[in-house]
Protein backbone atom coordinates (compact mmCIF):
# COMPACT_ATOMS: atom_id res chain seq x y z
CA UNK A 1 0.00 0.00 0.00
CA UNK A 2 1.21 3.49 -0.79
CA UNK A 3 0.92 6.46 1.62
CA UNK A 4 -0.36 9.59 -0.12
CA UNK A 5 -0.02 13.17 1.10
CA UNK A 6 -2.04 16.30 0.38
CA UNK A 7 -5.43 14.62 -0.11
CA UNK A 8 -8.09 16.60 1.79
CA UNK A 9 -10.37 14.81 4.24
CA UNK A 10 -14.08 14.68 3.34
CA UNK A 11 -16.39 17.29 4.84
CA UNK A 12 -18.27 16.24 7.99
CA UNK A 13 -21.74 14.82 7.46
CA UNK A 14 -24.68 17.14 7.90
CA UNK A 15 -26.77 16.24 10.94
CA UNK A 16 -30.50 16.76 10.44
CA UNK A 17 -32.87 16.79 13.40
CA UNK A 18 -36.39 15.64 12.60
CA UNK A 19 -39.29 16.76 14.86
CA UNK A 20 -40.31 13.29 16.11
CA UNK A 21 -40.36 14.41 19.77
CA UNK A 22 -42.87 17.18 19.03
CA UNK A 23 -45.34 15.02 17.09
CA UNK A 24 -48.73 13.78 18.22
CA UNK A 25 -50.83 11.10 16.50
CA UNK A 26 -52.01 12.46 13.14
CA UNK A 27 -49.18 15.01 12.80
CA UNK A 28 -46.81 14.92 9.83
CA UNK A 29 -43.73 16.66 8.47
CA UNK A 30 -42.36 17.07 4.95
CA UNK A 31 -38.73 16.51 3.92
CA UNK A 32 -37.93 18.19 0.63
CA UNK A 33 -35.81 15.89 -1.52
CA UNK A 34 -35.76 13.21 1.21
CA UNK A 35 -35.40 9.53 0.42
CA UNK A 36 -37.60 6.68 1.60
CA UNK A 37 -34.65 4.59 2.80
CA UNK A 38 -33.25 7.32 5.03
CA UNK A 39 -36.62 8.24 6.54
CA UNK A 40 -37.65 4.60 7.09
CA UNK A 41 -34.48 4.15 9.12
CA UNK A 42 -35.11 7.35 11.09
CA UNK A 43 -38.75 6.30 11.68
CA UNK A 44 -37.63 2.98 13.12
CA UNK A 45 -35.09 4.63 15.45
CA UNK A 46 -37.58 7.28 16.64
CA UNK A 47 -40.36 4.71 16.99
CA UNK A 48 -38.23 2.51 19.23
CA UNK A 49 -37.08 5.46 21.31
CA UNK A 50 -40.56 6.97 21.73
CA UNK A 51 -42.59 3.74 21.66
CA UNK A 52 -44.52 5.18 18.69
CA UNK A 53 -45.34 4.22 15.11
CA UNK A 54 -44.51 6.28 12.03
CA UNK A 55 -45.00 5.84 8.30
CA UNK A 56 -43.41 7.58 5.33
CA UNK A 57 -44.67 8.05 1.76
CA UNK A 58 -43.10 9.56 -1.30
CA UNK A 59 -44.96 12.72 -2.34
CA UNK A 60 -44.30 15.36 -4.96
CA UNK A 61 -40.97 17.02 -4.20
CA UNK A 62 -39.87 14.75 -1.34
CA UNK A 63 -41.30 12.52 1.37
CA UNK A 64 -43.80 12.99 4.17
CA UNK A 65 -43.72 11.28 7.59
CA UNK A 66 -46.87 10.73 9.69
CA UNK A 67 -47.18 9.62 13.30
CA UNK A 68 -49.71 6.78 13.50
CA UNK A 69 -49.57 5.80 17.17
PDB file of N, CA and C in Angstrom:
ATOM      1  N   UNK A   1       0.832  -1.170   0.000  1.00  0.00           N
ATOM      2  CA  UNK A   1       0.000   0.000   0.000  1.00  0.00           C
ATOM      3  C   UNK A   1       0.880   1.238   0.000  1.00  0.00           C
ATOM      4  N   UNK A   2       0.423   2.273  -0.662  1.00  0.00           N
ATOM      5  CA  UNK A   2       1.210   3.492  -0.789  1.00  0.00           C
ATOM      6  C   UNK A   2       0.580   4.605   0.053  1.00  0.00           C
ATOM      7  N   UNK A   3       1.389   5.327   0.826  1.00  0.00           N
ATOM      8  CA  UNK A   3       0.917   6.462   1.621  1.00  0.00           C
ATOM      9  C   UNK A   3       0.898   7.689   0.719  1.00  0.00           C
ATOM     10  N   UNK A   4      -0.235   8.399   0.722  1.00  0.00           N
ATOM     11  CA  UNK A   4      -0.363   9.587  -0.115  1.00  0.00           C
ATOM     12  C   UNK A   4      -0.516  10.815   0.774  1.00  0.00           C
ATOM     13  N   UNK A   5       0.037  11.921   0.335  1.00  0.00           N
ATOM     14  CA  UNK A   5      -0.016  13.167   1.096  1.00  0.00           C
ATOM     15  C   UNK A   5      -0.795  14.208   0.308  1.00  0.00           C
ATOM     16  N   UNK A   6      -1.385  15.174   1.033  1.00  0.00           N
ATOM     17  CA  UNK A   6      -2.041  16.296   0.379  1.00  0.00           C
ATOM     18  C   UNK A   6      -3.453  16.022  -0.114  1.00  0.00           C
ATOM     19  N   UNK A   7      -4.048  14.920   0.288  1.00  0.00           N
ATOM     20  CA  UNK A   7      -5.428  14.617  -0.113  1.00  0.00           C
ATOM     21  C   UNK A   7      -6.339  15.088   1.014  1.00  0.00           C
ATOM     22  N   UNK A   8      -7.247  16.057   0.720  1.00  0.00           N
ATOM     23  CA  UNK A   8      -8.091  16.601   1.791  1.00  0.00           C
ATOM     24  C   UNK A   8      -9.091  15.573   2.319  1.00  0.00           C
ATOM     25  N   UNK A   9      -9.373  15.678   3.612  1.00  0.00           N
ATOM     26  CA  UNK A   9     -10.370  14.805   4.241  1.00  0.00           C
ATOM     27  C   UNK A   9     -11.762  15.230   3.789  1.00  0.00           C
ATOM     28  N   UNK A  10     -12.712  14.300   3.728  1.00  0.00           N
ATOM     29  CA  UNK A  10     -14.076  14.675   3.345  1.00  0.00           C
ATOM     30  C   UNK A  10     -14.716  15.584   4.388  1.00  0.00           C
ATOM     31  N   UNK A  11     -15.657  16.387   3.933  1.00  0.00           N
ATOM     32  CA  UNK A  11     -16.387  17.285   4.836  1.00  0.00           C
ATOM     33  C   UNK A  11     -17.221  16.463   5.809  1.00  0.00           C
ATOM     34  N   UNK A  12     -17.435  16.972   7.030  1.00  0.00           N
ATOM     35  CA  UNK A  12     -18.273  16.240   7.988  1.00  0.00           C
ATOM     36  C   UNK A  12     -19.702  16.108   7.462  1.00  0.00           C
ATOM     37  N   UNK A  13     -20.357  15.042   7.861  1.00  0.00           N
ATOM     38  CA  UNK A  13     -21.744  14.817   7.461  1.00  0.00           C
ATOM     39  C   UNK A  13     -22.656  15.847   8.101  1.00  0.00           C
ATOM     40  N   UNK A  14     -23.687  16.207   7.366  1.00  0.00           N
ATOM     41  CA  UNK A  14     -24.677  17.139   7.898  1.00  0.00           C
ATOM     42  C   UNK A  14     -25.639  16.367   8.799  1.00  0.00           C
ATOM     43  N   UNK A  15     -25.849  16.873   9.996  1.00  0.00           N
ATOM     44  CA  UNK A  15     -26.772  16.240  10.935  1.00  0.00           C
ATOM     45  C   UNK A  15     -28.114  16.959  10.852  1.00  0.00           C
ATOM     46  N   UNK A  16     -29.156  16.190  10.563  1.00  0.00           N
ATOM     47  CA  UNK A  16     -30.499  16.759  10.440  1.00  0.00           C
ATOM     48  C   UNK A  16     -31.343  16.247  11.595  1.00  0.00           C
ATOM     49  N   UNK A  17     -31.983  17.156  12.291  1.00  0.00           N
ATOM     50  CA  UNK A  17     -32.866  16.789  13.402  1.00  0.00           C
ATOM     51  C   UNK A  17     -34.305  16.818  12.890  1.00  0.00           C
ATOM     52  N   UNK A  18     -34.990  15.710  12.998  1.00  0.00           N
ATOM     53  CA  UNK A  18     -36.392  15.641  12.595  1.00  0.00           C
ATOM     54  C   UNK A  18     -37.264  15.823  13.839  1.00  0.00           C
ATOM     55  N   UNK A  19     -38.468  16.375  13.689  1.00  0.00           N
ATOM     56  CA  UNK A  19     -39.288  16.760  14.857  1.00  0.00           C
ATOM     57  C   UNK A  19     -40.117  15.622  15.458  1.00  0.00           C
ATOM     58  N   UNK A  20     -39.556  14.426  15.563  1.00  0.00           N
ATOM     59  CA  UNK A  20     -40.308  13.291  16.107  1.00  0.00           C
ATOM     60  C   UNK A  20     -40.810  13.557  17.529  1.00  0.00           C
ATOM     61  N   UNK A  21     -39.985  14.181  18.359  1.00  0.00           N
ATOM     62  CA  UNK A  21     -40.355  14.409  19.768  1.00  0.00           C
ATOM     63  C   UNK A  21     -41.553  15.335  19.918  1.00  0.00           C
ATOM     64  N   UNK A  22     -41.785  16.202  18.944  1.00  0.00           N
ATOM     65  CA  UNK A  22     -42.870  17.184  19.031  1.00  0.00           C
ATOM     66  C   UNK A  22     -44.178  16.693  18.417  1.00  0.00           C
ATOM     67  N   UNK A  23     -44.172  15.492  17.834  1.00  0.00           N
ATOM     68  CA  UNK A  23     -45.344  15.019  17.086  1.00  0.00           C
ATOM     69  C   UNK A  23     -46.355  14.307  17.972  1.00  0.00           C
ATOM     70  N   UNK A  24     -47.624  14.523  17.631  1.00  0.00           N
ATOM     71  CA  UNK A  24     -48.734  13.777  18.225  1.00  0.00           C
ATOM     72  C   UNK A  24     -49.347  12.926  17.117  1.00  0.00           C
ATOM     73  N   UNK A  25     -50.177  11.965  17.485  1.00  0.00           N
ATOM     74  CA  UNK A  25     -50.830  11.099  16.501  1.00  0.00           C
ATOM     75  C   UNK A  25     -51.584  11.975  15.498  1.00  0.00           C
ATOM     76  N   UNK A  26     -51.366  11.705  14.213  1.00  0.00           N
ATOM     77  CA  UNK A  26     -52.007  12.460  13.142  1.00  0.00           C
ATOM     78  C   UNK A  26     -51.142  13.577  12.577  1.00  0.00           C
ATOM     79  N   UNK A  27     -50.079  13.963  13.285  1.00  0.00           N
ATOM     80  CA  UNK A  27     -49.177  15.010  12.796  1.00  0.00           C
ATOM     81  C   UNK A  27     -48.269  14.445  11.710  1.00  0.00           C
ATOM     82  N   UNK A  28     -47.752  15.339  10.870  1.00  0.00           N
ATOM     83  CA  UNK A  28     -46.807  14.925   9.833  1.00  0.00           C
ATOM     84  C   UNK A  28     -45.791  16.032   9.598  1.00  0.00           C
ATOM     85  N   UNK A  29     -44.695  15.660   8.928  1.00  0.00           N
ATOM     86  CA  UNK A  29     -43.733  16.659   8.466  1.00  0.00           C
ATOM     87  C   UNK A  29     -43.232  16.249   7.091  1.00  0.00           C
ATOM     88  N   UNK A  30     -42.798  17.252   6.324  1.00  0.00           N
ATOM     89  CA  UNK A  30     -42.356  17.071   4.947  1.00  0.00           C
ATOM     90  C   UNK A  30     -40.852  17.273   4.875  1.00  0.00           C
ATOM     91  N   UNK A  31     -40.165  16.384   4.131  1.00  0.00           N
ATOM     92  CA  UNK A  31     -38.732  16.507   3.917  1.00  0.00           C
ATOM     93  C   UNK A  31     -38.500  16.688   2.427  1.00  0.00           C
ATOM     94  N   UNK A  32     -38.151  17.902   2.036  1.00  0.00           N
ATOM     95  CA  UNK A  32     -37.927  18.195   0.627  1.00  0.00           C
ATOM     96  C   UNK A  32     -36.706  17.421   0.138  1.00  0.00           C
ATOM     97  N   UNK A  33     -36.897  16.664  -0.940  1.00  0.00           N
ATOM     98  CA  UNK A  33     -35.806  15.893  -1.518  1.00  0.00           C
ATOM     99  C   UNK A  33     -35.374  14.698  -0.692  1.00  0.00           C
ATOM    100  N   UNK A  34     -36.118  14.348   0.355  1.00  0.00           N
ATOM    101  CA  UNK A  34     -35.763  13.214   1.211  1.00  0.00           C
ATOM    102  C   UNK A  34     -35.917  11.891   0.482  1.00  0.00           C
ATOM    103  N   UNK A  35     -35.297  10.855   1.012  1.00  0.00           N
ATOM    104  CA  UNK A  35     -35.399   9.525   0.422  1.00  0.00           C
ATOM    105  C   UNK A  35     -36.139   8.592   1.375  1.00  0.00           C
ATOM    106  N   UNK A  36     -36.843   7.637   0.792  1.00  0.00           N
ATOM    107  CA  UNK A  36     -37.603   6.678   1.599  1.00  0.00           C
ATOM    108  C   UNK A  36     -36.680   5.877   2.513  1.00  0.00           C
ATOM    109  N   UNK A  37     -35.548   5.418   1.987  1.00  0.00           N
ATOM    110  CA  UNK A  37     -34.646   4.595   2.798  1.00  0.00           C
ATOM    111  C   UNK A  37     -34.187   5.325   4.045  1.00  0.00           C
ATOM    112  N   UNK A  38     -33.754   6.560   3.890  1.00  0.00           N
ATOM    113  CA  UNK A  38     -33.247   7.318   5.035  1.00  0.00           C
ATOM    114  C   UNK A  38     -34.352   7.552   6.064  1.00  0.00           C
ATOM    115  N   UNK A  39     -35.545   7.933   5.601  1.00  0.00           N
ATOM    116  CA  UNK A  39     -36.619   8.238   6.544  1.00  0.00           C
ATOM    117  C   UNK A  39     -37.193   6.971   7.179  1.00  0.00           C
ATOM    118  N   UNK A  40     -37.206   5.857   6.471  1.00  0.00           N
ATOM    119  CA  UNK A  40     -37.655   4.604   7.095  1.00  0.00           C
ATOM    120  C   UNK A  40     -36.739   4.244   8.254  1.00  0.00           C
ATOM    121  N   UNK A  41     -35.440   4.422   8.062  1.00  0.00           N
ATOM    122  CA  UNK A  41     -34.477   4.149   9.121  1.00  0.00           C
ATOM    123  C   UNK A  41     -34.698   5.091  10.305  1.00  0.00           C
ATOM    124  N   UNK A  42     -34.871   6.373  10.023  1.00  0.00           N
ATOM    125  CA  UNK A  42     -35.113   7.352  11.086  1.00  0.00           C
ATOM    126  C   UNK A  42     -36.425   7.059  11.816  1.00  0.00           C
ATOM    127  N   UNK A  43     -37.460   6.658  11.066  1.00  0.00           N
ATOM    128  CA  UNK A  43     -38.746   6.300  11.683  1.00  0.00           C
ATOM    129  C   UNK A  43     -38.582   5.152  12.658  1.00  0.00           C
ATOM    130  N   UNK A  44     -37.820   4.137  12.257  1.00  0.00           N
ATOM    131  CA  UNK A  44     -37.629   2.975  13.124  1.00  0.00           C
ATOM    132  C   UNK A  44     -36.889   3.373  14.400  1.00  0.00           C
ATOM    133  N   UNK A  45     -35.836   4.184  14.265  1.00  0.00           N
ATOM    134  CA  UNK A  45     -35.085   4.634  15.449  1.00  0.00           C
ATOM    135  C   UNK A  45     -35.967   5.464  16.374  1.00  0.00           C
ATOM    136  N   UNK A  46     -36.715   6.417  15.815  1.00  0.00           N
ATOM    137  CA  UNK A  46     -37.578   7.277  16.635  1.00  0.00           C
ATOM    138  C   UNK A  46     -38.714   6.465  17.245  1.00  0.00           C
ATOM    139  N   UNK A  47     -39.272   5.539  16.479  1.00  0.00           N
ATOM    140  CA  UNK A  47     -40.359   4.712  16.988  1.00  0.00           C
ATOM    141  C   UNK A  47     -39.931   3.871  18.174  1.00  0.00           C
ATOM    142  N   UNK A  48     -38.749   3.298  18.107  1.00  0.00           N
ATOM    143  CA  UNK A  48     -38.228   2.506  19.228  1.00  0.00           C
ATOM    144  C   UNK A  48     -37.970   3.384  20.446  1.00  0.00           C
ATOM    145  N   UNK A  49     -37.418   4.553  20.219  1.00  0.00           N
ATOM    146  CA  UNK A  49     -37.078   5.458  21.314  1.00  0.00           C
ATOM    147  C   UNK A  49     -38.316   6.015  22.000  1.00  0.00           C
ATOM    148  N   UNK A  50     -39.350   6.331  21.205  1.00  0.00           N
ATOM    149  CA  UNK A  50     -40.558   6.972  21.731  1.00  0.00           C
ATOM    150  C   UNK A  50     -41.715   6.004  21.952  1.00  0.00           C
ATOM    151  N   UNK A  51     -41.521   4.732  21.622  1.00  0.00           N
ATOM    152  CA  UNK A  51     -42.595   3.745  21.662  1.00  0.00           C
ATOM    153  C   UNK A  51     -43.789   4.241  20.838  1.00  0.00           C
ATOM    154  N   UNK A  52     -43.506   4.622  19.592  1.00  0.00           N
ATOM    155  CA  UNK A  52     -44.517   5.181  18.693  1.00  0.00           C
ATOM    156  C   UNK A  52     -44.393   4.509  17.332  1.00  0.00           C
ATOM    157  N   UNK A  53     -45.372   4.767  16.465  1.00  0.00           N
ATOM    158  CA  UNK A  53     -45.341   4.225  15.108  1.00  0.00           C
ATOM    159  C   UNK A  53     -45.408   5.371  14.113  1.00  0.00           C
ATOM    160  N   UNK A  54     -44.571   5.279  13.073  1.00  0.00           N
ATOM    161  CA  UNK A  54     -44.508   6.282  12.027  1.00  0.00           C
ATOM    162  C   UNK A  54     -44.581   5.594  10.676  1.00  0.00           C
ATOM    163  N   UNK A  55     -45.031   6.340   9.672  1.00  0.00           N
ATOM    164  CA  UNK A  55     -45.002   5.842   8.303  1.00  0.00           C
ATOM    165  C   UNK A  55     -44.502   6.964   7.409  1.00  0.00           C
ATOM    166  N   UNK A  56     -43.948   6.592   6.274  1.00  0.00           N
ATOM    167  CA  UNK A  56     -43.412   7.576   5.331  1.00  0.00           C
ATOM    168  C   UNK A  56     -43.906   7.220   3.928  1.00  0.00           C
ATOM    169  N   UNK A  57     -44.231   8.241   3.147  1.00  0.00           N
ATOM    170  CA  UNK A  57     -44.671   8.051   1.764  1.00  0.00           C
ATOM    171  C   UNK A  57     -43.981   9.080   0.888  1.00  0.00           C
ATOM    172  N   UNK A  58     -43.656   8.650  -0.305  1.00  0.00           N
ATOM    173  CA  UNK A  58     -43.098   9.559  -1.298  1.00  0.00           C
ATOM    174  C   UNK A  58     -44.216  10.451  -1.818  1.00  0.00           C
ATOM    175  N   UNK A  59     -43.996  11.750  -1.820  1.00  0.00           N
ATOM    176  CA  UNK A  59     -44.959  12.720  -2.341  1.00  0.00           C
ATOM    177  C   UNK A  59     -44.200  13.642  -3.298  1.00  0.00           C
ATOM    178  N   UNK A  60     -44.922  14.469  -3.997  1.00  0.00           N
ATOM    179  CA  UNK A  60     -44.298  15.365  -4.959  1.00  0.00           C
ATOM    180  C   UNK A  60     -43.261  16.260  -4.275  1.00  0.00           C
ATOM    181  N   UNK A  61     -42.026  16.179  -4.725  1.00  0.00           N
ATOM    182  CA  UNK A  61     -40.969  17.025  -4.198  1.00  0.00           C
ATOM    183  C   UNK A  61     -40.201  16.467  -3.012  1.00  0.00           C
ATOM    184  N   UNK A  62     -40.580  15.307  -2.492  1.00  0.00           N
ATOM    185  CA  UNK A  62     -39.870  14.746  -1.344  1.00  0.00           C
ATOM    186  C   UNK A  62     -40.632  13.608  -0.713  1.00  0.00           C
ATOM    187  N   UNK A  63     -40.584  13.546   0.614  1.00  0.00           N
ATOM    188  CA  UNK A  63     -41.298  12.515   1.365  1.00  0.00           C
ATOM    189  C   UNK A  63     -41.995  13.160   2.553  1.00  0.00           C
ATOM    190  N   UNK A  64     -43.063  12.513   3.010  1.00  0.00           N
ATOM    191  CA  UNK A  64     -43.803  12.991   4.175  1.00  0.00           C
ATOM    192  C   UNK A  64     -43.891  11.871   5.198  1.00  0.00           C
ATOM    193  N   UNK A  65     -43.677  12.234   6.470  1.00  0.00           N
ATOM    194  CA  UNK A  65     -43.717  11.284   7.587  1.00  0.00           C
ATOM    195  C   UNK A  65     -44.927  11.615   8.444  1.00  0.00           C
ATOM    196  N   UNK A  66     -45.712  10.575   8.800  1.00  0.00           N
ATOM    197  CA  UNK A  66     -46.866  10.734   9.689  1.00  0.00           C
ATOM    198  C   UNK A  66     -46.650   9.910  10.947  1.00  0.00           C
ATOM    199  N   UNK A  67     -47.146  10.416  12.063  1.00  0.00           N
ATOM    200  CA  UNK A  67     -47.177   9.618  13.300  1.00  0.00           C
ATOM    201  C   UNK A  67     -48.518   8.921  13.349  1.00  0.00           C
ATOM    202  N   UNK A  68     -48.497   7.593  13.491  1.00  0.00           N
ATOM    203  CA  UNK A  68     -49.709   6.780  13.502  1.00  0.00           C
ATOM    204  C   UNK A  68     -50.151   6.405  14.911  1.00  0.00           C
ATOM    205  N   UNK A  69     -49.228   6.206  15.799  1.00  0.00           N
ATOM    206  CA  UNK A  69     -49.572   5.803  17.173  1.00  0.00           C
ATOM    207  C   UNK A  69     -48.490   6.239  18.139  1.00  0.00           C
TER     208      UNK A  69
END
